[in-house]
């Protein structure tokens, strides 16, 4: 299996630390690059290559650090406690919040982010344990498009096609 194709739940919690770090950092890297692009083009507007790369590093690095902190802390908590439950994800969320607080130089923001990320981790772990998806991957029904004649835009069904016009009575 390719390393870049690794997923977080390919192995049980507490195993394959490097694969899990790669899996979480893929999402952190893509989110960091997207946010950095937005930041560079609309907010900070740095002049030159080095300041632009600096903004990319400033935004992407901490997000990858948060993903790594969550993954390693969850792994360590699973191995230290000997249990695979929601508390490990809560602890990992607080570790990621600590990285966020250090990034923003604000311990209250780190505590709030840790609480939010910990609760998000608990909800994710519950979804894995109970077999439901928070964001299901089902295709959405598409309305509209270029072929308008193929779509039914009425509220009610079409009338039956066996009607005739009224005849005059003589």
N, C-alpha and C. Protein backbone atom coordinates (compact mmCIF):
# COMPACT_ATOMS: atom_id res chain seq x y z
N UNK A 1 0.84 -1.18 0.00
CA UNK A 1 0.00 0.00 0.00
C UNK A 1 0.89 1.24 0.00
N UNK A 2 0.55 2.20 -0.82
CA UNK A 2 1.32 3.42 -0.91
C UNK A 2 1.18 4.23 0.37
N UNK A 3 2.25 4.90 0.71
CA UNK A 3 2.25 5.68 1.94
C UNK A 3 1.27 6.85 1.87
N UNK A 4 1.16 7.49 0.70
CA UNK A 4 0.25 8.63 0.58
C UNK A 4 -1.21 8.20 0.53
N UNK A 5 -1.46 6.93 0.30
CA UNK A 5 -2.83 6.43 0.29
C UNK A 5 -3.27 5.91 1.67
N UNK A 6 -2.42 6.04 2.67
CA UNK A 6 -2.77 5.53 3.99
C UNK A 6 -3.92 6.33 4.58
N UNK A 7 -4.75 5.64 5.32
CA UNK A 7 -5.89 6.25 5.98
C UNK A 7 -5.76 6.04 7.48
N UNK A 8 -6.43 6.88 8.23
CA UNK A 8 -6.28 6.85 9.68
C UNK A 8 -6.76 5.54 10.28
N UNK A 9 -7.82 5.00 9.72
CA UNK A 9 -8.41 3.79 10.32
C UNK A 9 -7.99 2.52 9.60
N UNK A 10 -6.86 2.54 8.87
CA UNK A 10 -6.33 1.32 8.27
C UNK A 10 -5.85 0.35 9.34
N UNK A 11 -5.36 0.88 10.45
CA UNK A 11 -4.88 0.06 11.57
C UNK A 11 -5.62 0.48 12.83
N UNK A 12 -5.72 -0.41 13.81
CA UNK A 12 -6.40 -0.04 15.06
C UNK A 12 -5.67 1.11 15.77
N UNK A 13 -6.39 1.82 16.62
CA UNK A 13 -5.77 2.89 17.39
C UNK A 13 -4.67 2.31 18.28
N UNK A 14 -3.57 3.04 18.38
CA UNK A 14 -2.44 2.59 19.16
C UNK A 14 -1.38 1.90 18.32
N UNK A 15 -1.61 1.75 17.03
CA UNK A 15 -0.65 1.11 16.13
C UNK A 15 -0.39 2.01 14.93
N UNK A 16 0.73 1.78 14.25
CA UNK A 16 1.11 2.46 13.01
C UNK A 16 1.08 3.98 13.16
N UNK A 17 1.96 4.47 14.01
CA UNK A 17 1.99 5.91 14.27
C UNK A 17 2.34 6.70 13.01
N UNK A 18 3.32 6.24 12.25
CA UNK A 18 3.75 7.00 11.08
C UNK A 18 2.65 7.06 10.02
N UNK A 19 1.95 5.96 9.79
CA UNK A 19 0.86 5.95 8.82
C UNK A 19 -0.27 6.88 9.23
N UNK A 20 -0.56 6.91 10.53
CA UNK A 20 -1.63 7.79 11.00
C UNK A 20 -1.21 9.26 10.91
N UNK A 21 0.07 9.55 11.16
CA UNK A 21 0.55 10.92 11.03
C UNK A 21 0.46 11.38 9.59
N UNK A 22 0.83 10.51 8.66
CA UNK A 22 0.73 10.86 7.24
C UNK A 22 -0.73 11.09 6.87
N UNK A 23 -1.62 10.24 7.38
CA UNK A 23 -3.04 10.37 7.03
C UNK A 23 -3.63 11.69 7.53
N UNK A 24 -3.31 12.08 8.75
CA UNK A 24 -3.87 13.34 9.27
C UNK A 24 -3.18 14.56 8.66
N UNK A 25 -1.88 14.44 8.38
CA UNK A 25 -1.17 15.59 7.83
C UNK A 25 -1.52 15.86 6.38
N UNK A 26 -2.04 14.87 5.66
CA UNK A 26 -2.53 15.14 4.29
C UNK A 26 -3.63 16.17 4.33
N UNK A 27 -4.57 16.01 5.27
CA UNK A 27 -5.67 16.96 5.37
C UNK A 27 -5.20 18.30 5.91
N UNK A 28 -4.27 18.28 6.87
CA UNK A 28 -3.76 19.54 7.41
C UNK A 28 -2.97 20.30 6.35
N UNK A 29 -2.21 19.59 5.51
CA UNK A 29 -1.45 20.25 4.45
C UNK A 29 -2.38 20.88 3.42
N UNK A 30 -3.41 20.16 3.01
CA UNK A 30 -4.32 20.71 2.01
C UNK A 30 -5.10 21.90 2.58
N UNK A 31 -5.55 21.80 3.82
CA UNK A 31 -6.26 22.93 4.43
C UNK A 31 -5.31 24.12 4.63
N UNK A 32 -4.08 23.84 5.04
CA UNK A 32 -3.12 24.92 5.23
C UNK A 32 -2.76 25.63 3.94
N UNK A 33 -2.58 24.86 2.88
CA UNK A 33 -2.26 25.49 1.60
C UNK A 33 -3.45 26.30 1.07
N UNK A 34 -4.65 25.77 1.25
CA UNK A 34 -5.84 26.52 0.80
C UNK A 34 -5.99 27.81 1.59
N UNK A 35 -5.84 27.74 2.91
CA UNK A 35 -5.97 28.95 3.71
C UNK A 35 -4.82 29.92 3.42
N UNK A 36 -3.63 29.40 3.20
CA UNK A 36 -2.50 30.27 2.89
C UNK A 36 -2.70 30.99 1.57
N UNK A 37 -3.25 30.28 0.60
CA UNK A 37 -3.52 30.93 -0.69
C UNK A 37 -4.53 32.07 -0.50
N UNK A 38 -5.58 31.81 0.26
CA UNK A 38 -6.55 32.86 0.54
C UNK A 38 -5.91 34.02 1.28
N UNK A 39 -5.08 33.70 2.27
CA UNK A 39 -4.42 34.73 3.06
C UNK A 39 -3.49 35.59 2.19
N UNK A 40 -2.71 34.93 1.35
CA UNK A 40 -1.75 35.66 0.53
C UNK A 40 -2.45 36.53 -0.51
N UNK A 41 -3.52 36.02 -1.08
CA UNK A 41 -4.18 36.77 -2.15
C UNK A 41 -5.12 37.86 -1.66
N UNK A 42 -5.71 37.70 -0.48
CA UNK A 42 -6.73 38.66 -0.06
C UNK A 42 -6.41 39.42 1.23
N UNK A 43 -5.70 38.80 2.16
CA UNK A 43 -5.52 39.44 3.46
C UNK A 43 -4.16 40.12 3.62
N UNK A 44 -3.09 39.33 3.61
CA UNK A 44 -1.78 39.89 3.93
C UNK A 44 -1.07 40.52 2.73
N UNK A 45 -1.27 39.98 1.53
CA UNK A 45 -0.70 40.48 0.28
C UNK A 45 0.80 40.79 0.41
N UNK A 46 1.61 39.77 0.70
CA UNK A 46 3.06 40.02 0.84
C UNK A 46 3.68 40.38 -0.50
N UNK A 47 4.76 41.13 -0.44
CA UNK A 47 5.48 41.56 -1.63
C UNK A 47 6.76 40.74 -1.75
N UNK A 48 6.84 39.87 -2.76
CA UNK A 48 8.05 39.07 -2.98
C UNK A 48 7.82 37.60 -2.66
N UNK A 49 8.83 36.82 -3.08
CA UNK A 49 8.73 35.37 -2.92
C UNK A 49 8.92 34.92 -1.47
N UNK A 50 9.93 35.45 -0.82
CA UNK A 50 10.21 35.00 0.54
C UNK A 50 9.10 35.35 1.53
N UNK A 51 8.55 36.55 1.51
CA UNK A 51 7.42 36.82 2.40
C UNK A 51 6.20 35.94 2.10
N UNK A 52 6.00 35.63 0.81
CA UNK A 52 4.89 34.75 0.46
C UNK A 52 5.11 33.35 1.01
N UNK A 53 6.32 32.82 0.84
CA UNK A 53 6.64 31.51 1.41
C UNK A 53 6.55 31.54 2.94
N UNK A 54 6.92 32.67 3.52
CA UNK A 54 6.80 32.80 4.97
C UNK A 54 5.34 32.72 5.42
N UNK A 55 4.44 33.34 4.68
CA UNK A 55 3.01 33.27 5.03
C UNK A 55 2.49 31.84 4.88
N UNK A 56 2.94 31.16 3.81
CA UNK A 56 2.54 29.77 3.64
C UNK A 56 3.03 28.92 4.81
N UNK A 57 4.27 29.13 5.23
CA UNK A 57 4.81 28.38 6.36
C UNK A 57 4.10 28.75 7.67
N UNK A 58 3.80 30.04 7.84
CA UNK A 58 3.13 30.50 9.05
C UNK A 58 1.74 29.87 9.20
N UNK A 59 1.04 29.69 8.10
CA UNK A 59 -0.31 29.13 8.18
C UNK A 59 -0.33 27.60 8.12
N UNK A 60 0.53 27.00 7.33
CA UNK A 60 0.47 25.55 7.13
C UNK A 60 1.20 24.80 8.23
N UNK A 61 2.30 25.31 8.70
CA UNK A 61 3.09 24.62 9.73
C UNK A 61 2.32 24.30 11.00
N UNK A 62 1.65 25.28 11.61
CA UNK A 62 0.91 24.98 12.83
C UNK A 62 -0.26 24.01 12.62
N UNK A 63 -0.90 24.07 11.46
CA UNK A 63 -1.98 23.11 11.21
C UNK A 63 -1.43 21.68 11.14
N UNK A 64 -0.27 21.53 10.52
CA UNK A 64 0.34 20.20 10.49
C UNK A 64 0.82 19.80 11.89
N UNK A 65 1.27 20.77 12.66
CA UNK A 65 1.65 20.48 14.04
C UNK A 65 0.45 20.06 14.88
N UNK A 66 -0.69 20.70 14.65
CA UNK A 66 -1.90 20.31 15.38
C UNK A 66 -2.32 18.89 15.01
N UNK A 67 -2.22 18.54 13.73
CA UNK A 67 -2.58 17.19 13.30
C UNK A 67 -1.63 16.16 13.90
N UNK A 68 -0.36 16.48 13.92
CA UNK A 68 0.62 15.57 14.50
C UNK A 68 0.42 15.44 16.00
N UNK A 69 0.17 16.54 16.69
CA UNK A 69 -0.06 16.49 18.13
C UNK A 69 -1.28 15.65 18.46
N UNK A 70 -2.36 15.82 17.70
CA UNK A 70 -3.55 15.01 17.93
C UNK A 70 -3.24 13.53 17.74
N UNK A 71 -2.56 13.21 16.65
CA UNK A 71 -2.30 11.81 16.33
C UNK A 71 -1.39 11.17 17.37
N UNK A 72 -0.29 11.82 17.70
CA UNK A 72 0.66 11.22 18.65
C UNK A 72 0.09 11.15 20.06
N UNK A 73 -0.67 12.17 20.46
CA UNK A 73 -1.26 12.14 21.80
C UNK A 73 -2.33 11.08 21.90
N UNK A 74 -3.14 10.92 20.87
CA UNK A 74 -4.15 9.87 20.87
C UNK A 74 -3.49 8.50 20.91
N UNK A 75 -2.42 8.33 20.15
CA UNK A 75 -1.68 7.07 20.14
C UNK A 75 -1.07 6.79 21.52
N UNK A 76 -0.44 7.80 22.11
CA UNK A 76 0.18 7.62 23.43
C UNK A 76 -0.87 7.34 24.50
N UNK A 77 -2.00 8.04 24.43
CA UNK A 77 -3.05 7.81 25.43
C UNK A 77 -3.65 6.41 25.27
N UNK A 78 -3.80 5.95 24.05
CA UNK A 78 -4.33 4.60 23.84
C UNK A 78 -3.38 3.56 24.40
N UNK A 79 -2.08 3.72 24.15
CA UNK A 79 -1.11 2.76 24.66
C UNK A 79 -0.92 2.87 26.17
N UNK A 80 -0.95 4.08 26.72
CA UNK A 80 -0.75 4.25 28.16
C UNK A 80 -1.95 3.77 28.96
N UNK A 81 -3.14 4.05 28.48
CA UNK A 81 -4.35 3.66 29.21
C UNK A 81 -4.75 2.22 28.93
N UNK A 82 -4.33 1.70 27.79
CA UNK A 82 -4.70 0.33 27.45
C UNK A 82 -6.14 0.20 27.00
N UNK A 83 -6.77 1.31 26.70
CA UNK A 83 -8.17 1.32 26.26
C UNK A 83 -8.27 2.08 24.95
N UNK A 84 -9.20 1.65 24.12
CA UNK A 84 -9.46 2.34 22.86
C UNK A 84 -10.85 2.96 22.97
N UNK A 85 -10.92 4.17 23.52
CA UNK A 85 -12.23 4.80 23.73
C UNK A 85 -12.18 6.28 23.39
N UNK A 86 -13.25 6.96 23.71
CA UNK A 86 -13.42 8.37 23.34
C UNK A 86 -12.53 9.32 24.13
N UNK A 87 -12.12 8.92 25.31
CA UNK A 87 -11.28 9.78 26.15
C UNK A 87 -9.95 10.08 25.46
N UNK A 88 -9.42 9.09 24.73
CA UNK A 88 -8.15 9.30 24.03
C UNK A 88 -8.28 10.39 22.98
N UNK A 89 -9.41 10.43 22.29
CA UNK A 89 -9.63 11.46 21.28
C UNK A 89 -9.82 12.83 21.93
N UNK A 90 -10.45 12.87 23.10
CA UNK A 90 -10.60 14.12 23.83
C UNK A 90 -9.23 14.66 24.24
N UNK A 91 -8.37 13.78 24.73
CA UNK A 91 -7.02 14.18 25.12
C UNK A 91 -6.24 14.68 23.90
N UNK A 92 -6.37 13.97 22.77
CA UNK A 92 -5.70 14.39 21.54
C UNK A 92 -6.20 15.74 21.06
N UNK A 93 -7.50 16.00 21.20
CA UNK A 93 -8.04 17.29 20.81
C UNK A 93 -7.48 18.42 21.67
N UNK A 94 -7.31 18.18 22.96
CA UNK A 94 -6.72 19.21 23.81
C UNK A 94 -5.25 19.44 23.48
N UNK A 95 -4.55 18.40 23.06
CA UNK A 95 -3.15 18.58 22.64
C UNK A 95 -3.08 19.44 21.38
N UNK A 96 -3.98 19.19 20.44
CA UNK A 96 -4.02 20.02 19.23
C UNK A 96 -4.40 21.45 19.58
N UNK A 97 -5.30 21.63 20.53
CA UNK A 97 -5.66 22.98 20.98
C UNK A 97 -4.48 23.69 21.63
N UNK A 98 -3.62 22.94 22.31
CA UNK A 98 -2.42 23.54 22.89
C UNK A 98 -1.48 24.09 21.83
N UNK A 99 -1.36 23.36 20.73
CA UNK A 99 -0.54 23.85 19.62
C UNK A 99 -1.17 25.11 19.03
N UNK A 100 -2.49 25.12 18.92
CA UNK A 100 -3.17 26.30 18.40
C UNK A 100 -2.95 27.51 19.31
N UNK A 101 -3.05 27.29 20.62
CA UNK A 101 -2.82 28.39 21.57
C UNK A 101 -1.40 28.93 21.50
N UNK A 102 -0.43 28.04 21.32
CA UNK A 102 0.96 28.50 21.18
C UNK A 102 1.15 29.27 19.88
N UNK A 103 0.47 28.84 18.83
CA UNK A 103 0.56 29.53 17.53
C UNK A 103 0.01 30.94 17.63
N UNK A 104 -1.12 31.09 18.31
CA UNK A 104 -1.77 32.40 18.42
C UNK A 104 -1.29 33.20 19.63
N UNK A 105 -0.39 32.65 20.43
CA UNK A 105 0.11 33.32 21.64
C UNK A 105 -1.03 33.69 22.58
N UNK A 106 -1.98 32.78 22.73
CA UNK A 106 -3.15 33.05 23.56
C UNK A 106 -3.60 31.73 24.18
N UNK A 107 -3.40 31.60 25.49
CA UNK A 107 -3.73 30.33 26.15
C UNK A 107 -5.24 30.10 26.23
N UNK A 108 -6.02 31.14 26.28
CA UNK A 108 -7.48 30.98 26.32
C UNK A 108 -7.98 30.46 24.97
N UNK A 109 -7.42 30.99 23.88
CA UNK A 109 -7.79 30.49 22.56
C UNK A 109 -7.39 29.02 22.42
N UNK A 110 -6.25 28.67 22.98
CA UNK A 110 -5.81 27.27 22.95
C UNK A 110 -6.74 26.36 23.74
N UNK A 111 -7.19 26.84 24.89
CA UNK A 111 -8.11 26.04 25.70
C UNK A 111 -9.45 25.87 24.99
N UNK A 112 -9.96 26.94 24.41
CA UNK A 112 -11.23 26.85 23.68
C UNK A 112 -11.10 25.96 22.45
N UNK A 113 -9.99 26.11 21.72
CA UNK A 113 -9.77 25.25 20.55
C UNK A 113 -9.61 23.80 20.98
N UNK A 114 -8.92 23.57 22.09
CA UNK A 114 -8.77 22.21 22.60
C UNK A 114 -10.10 21.59 22.97
N UNK A 115 -10.96 22.37 23.59
CA UNK A 115 -12.29 21.86 23.94
C UNK A 115 -13.09 21.53 22.68
N UNK A 116 -13.05 22.44 21.71
CA UNK A 116 -13.78 22.22 20.47
C UNK A 116 -13.24 21.01 19.72
N UNK A 117 -11.91 20.93 19.58
CA UNK A 117 -11.32 19.81 18.85
C UNK A 117 -11.48 18.49 19.61
N UNK A 118 -11.45 18.56 20.94
CA UNK A 118 -11.69 17.34 21.72
C UNK A 118 -13.10 16.82 21.55
N UNK A 119 -14.07 17.72 21.57
CA UNK A 119 -15.47 17.30 21.36
C UNK A 119 -15.65 16.77 19.94
N UNK A 120 -15.00 17.42 18.96
CA UNK A 120 -15.07 16.93 17.59
C UNK A 120 -14.45 15.54 17.48
N UNK A 121 -13.35 15.31 18.20
CA UNK A 121 -12.74 13.98 18.20
C UNK A 121 -13.63 12.93 18.84
N UNK A 122 -14.30 13.30 19.92
CA UNK A 122 -15.22 12.36 20.58
C UNK A 122 -16.38 12.02 19.65
N UNK A 123 -16.91 13.01 18.95
CA UNK A 123 -18.01 12.75 18.01
C UNK A 123 -17.53 11.85 16.88
N UNK A 124 -16.32 12.07 16.39
CA UNK A 124 -15.78 11.22 15.33
C UNK A 124 -15.59 9.78 15.82
N UNK A 125 -15.08 9.63 17.03
CA UNK A 125 -14.89 8.28 17.58
C UNK A 125 -16.24 7.59 17.78
N UNK A 126 -17.25 8.35 18.22
CA UNK A 126 -18.58 7.77 18.36
C UNK A 126 -19.12 7.32 17.00
N UNK A 127 -18.87 8.09 15.96
CA UNK A 127 -19.36 7.71 14.64
C UNK A 127 -18.67 6.44 14.16
N UNK A 128 -17.42 6.27 14.47
CA UNK A 128 -16.70 5.05 14.07
C UNK A 128 -17.22 3.86 14.87
N UNK A 129 -17.41 4.03 16.17
CA UNK A 129 -17.89 2.92 17.01
C UNK A 129 -19.31 2.51 16.67
N UNK A 130 -20.17 3.49 16.36
CA UNK A 130 -21.58 3.19 16.13
C UNK A 130 -21.93 2.99 14.67
N UNK A 131 -21.00 3.24 13.76
CA UNK A 131 -21.21 2.94 12.36
C UNK A 131 -22.00 3.97 11.57
N UNK A 132 -21.98 5.22 11.97
CA UNK A 132 -22.65 6.25 11.19
C UNK A 132 -21.61 7.28 10.76
N UNK A 133 -21.98 8.07 9.75
CA UNK A 133 -21.06 9.08 9.22
C UNK A 133 -21.63 10.46 9.47
N UNK A 134 -20.76 11.36 9.95
CA UNK A 134 -21.18 12.73 10.19
C UNK A 134 -21.39 13.46 8.88
N UNK A 135 -20.52 13.23 7.92
CA UNK A 135 -20.65 13.77 6.57
C UNK A 135 -20.74 12.59 5.62
N UNK A 136 -21.94 12.09 5.35
CA UNK A 136 -22.04 10.90 4.49
C UNK A 136 -21.56 11.18 3.08
N UNK A 137 -21.04 10.14 2.48
CA UNK A 137 -20.45 10.27 1.15
C UNK A 137 -21.43 9.84 0.06
N UNK A 138 -22.70 10.12 0.26
CA UNK A 138 -23.70 9.75 -0.72
C UNK A 138 -23.85 10.88 -1.74
N UNK A 139 -24.08 10.53 -2.99
CA UNK A 139 -24.24 11.60 -3.98
C UNK A 139 -25.55 12.35 -3.77
N UNK A 140 -25.49 13.64 -3.94
CA UNK A 140 -26.67 14.48 -3.78
C UNK A 140 -27.49 14.45 -5.06
N UNK A 141 -28.79 14.58 -4.93
CA UNK A 141 -29.64 14.64 -6.10
C UNK A 141 -29.45 16.01 -6.74
N UNK A 142 -29.17 15.99 -8.02
CA UNK A 142 -28.89 17.23 -8.72
C UNK A 142 -30.16 17.74 -9.40
N UNK A 143 -30.44 19.00 -9.17
CA UNK A 143 -31.57 19.64 -9.82
C UNK A 143 -31.04 20.65 -10.83
N UNK A 144 -31.70 20.73 -11.95
CA UNK A 144 -31.31 21.72 -12.94
C UNK A 144 -30.24 21.19 -13.86
N UNK A 145 -29.64 22.07 -14.57
CA UNK A 145 -28.61 21.70 -15.51
C UNK A 145 -28.95 22.22 -16.89
N UNK A 146 -28.24 21.71 -17.88
CA UNK A 146 -28.45 22.17 -19.24
C UNK A 146 -29.66 21.51 -19.89
N UNK A 147 -29.98 20.30 -19.48
CA UNK A 147 -31.11 19.58 -20.07
C UNK A 147 -32.34 19.81 -19.21
N UNK A 148 -32.94 20.97 -19.33
CA UNK A 148 -34.08 21.33 -18.48
C UNK A 148 -35.29 20.48 -18.81
N UNK A 149 -35.43 20.08 -20.06
CA UNK A 149 -36.61 19.31 -20.45
C UNK A 149 -36.65 17.95 -19.75
N UNK A 150 -35.53 17.45 -19.33
CA UNK A 150 -35.50 16.15 -18.66
C UNK A 150 -35.83 16.21 -17.18
N UNK A 151 -35.99 17.39 -16.64
CA UNK A 151 -36.26 17.53 -15.21
C UNK A 151 -37.71 17.92 -14.98
N UNK A 152 -38.27 17.42 -13.90
CA UNK A 152 -39.65 17.76 -13.54
C UNK A 152 -39.60 18.94 -12.59
N UNK A 153 -40.03 20.09 -13.03
CA UNK A 153 -39.99 21.30 -12.22
C UNK A 153 -41.35 21.62 -11.61
N UNK A 154 -42.32 20.74 -11.72
CA UNK A 154 -43.66 21.00 -11.19
C UNK A 154 -43.78 20.44 -9.79
N UNK A 155 -44.73 20.97 -9.08
CA UNK A 155 -44.99 20.47 -7.73
C UNK A 155 -45.86 19.23 -7.79
N UNK A 156 -46.80 19.23 -8.71
CA UNK A 156 -47.74 18.11 -8.82
C UNK A 156 -47.38 17.28 -10.04
N UNK A 157 -47.87 16.06 -10.04
CA UNK A 157 -47.62 15.16 -11.16
C UNK A 157 -48.40 15.63 -12.39
N UNK A 158 -47.94 15.20 -13.55
CA UNK A 158 -48.64 15.55 -14.79
C UNK A 158 -50.03 14.94 -14.80
N UNK A 159 -51.00 15.63 -15.43
CA UNK A 159 -52.34 15.05 -15.53
C UNK A 159 -52.33 13.85 -16.48
N UNK A 160 -53.30 12.97 -16.34
CA UNK A 160 -53.31 11.82 -17.26
C UNK A 160 -53.49 12.28 -18.70
N UNK A 161 -52.95 11.51 -19.62
CA UNK A 161 -52.94 11.92 -21.02
C UNK A 161 -54.14 11.39 -21.81
N UNK A 162 -55.16 10.89 -21.15
CA UNK A 162 -56.31 10.32 -21.86
C UNK A 162 -57.49 11.28 -21.91
N UNK A 163 -57.31 12.56 -21.70
CA UNK A 163 -58.41 13.52 -21.71
C UNK A 163 -58.70 13.98 -23.14
N UNK A 164 -59.90 14.48 -23.34
CA UNK A 164 -60.30 15.03 -24.64
C UNK A 164 -60.94 16.38 -24.40
N UNK A 165 -61.08 17.15 -25.48
CA UNK A 165 -61.69 18.46 -25.35
C UNK A 165 -63.20 18.30 -25.23
N UNK A 166 -63.80 19.29 -24.64
CA UNK A 166 -65.26 19.23 -24.44
C UNK A 166 -65.98 19.42 -25.77
N UNK A 167 -66.95 18.57 -26.03
CA UNK A 167 -67.74 18.67 -27.26
C UNK A 167 -69.01 19.45 -26.99
N UNK A 168 -69.45 20.21 -27.98
CA UNK A 168 -70.68 20.95 -27.85
C UNK A 168 -71.86 19.99 -27.95
N UNK A 169 -72.79 20.16 -27.08
CA UNK A 169 -73.98 19.30 -27.14
C UNK A 169 -75.03 19.94 -28.02
N UNK A 170 -75.63 19.19 -28.85
CA UNK A 170 -76.62 19.70 -29.80
C UNK A 170 -78.00 19.38 -29.39
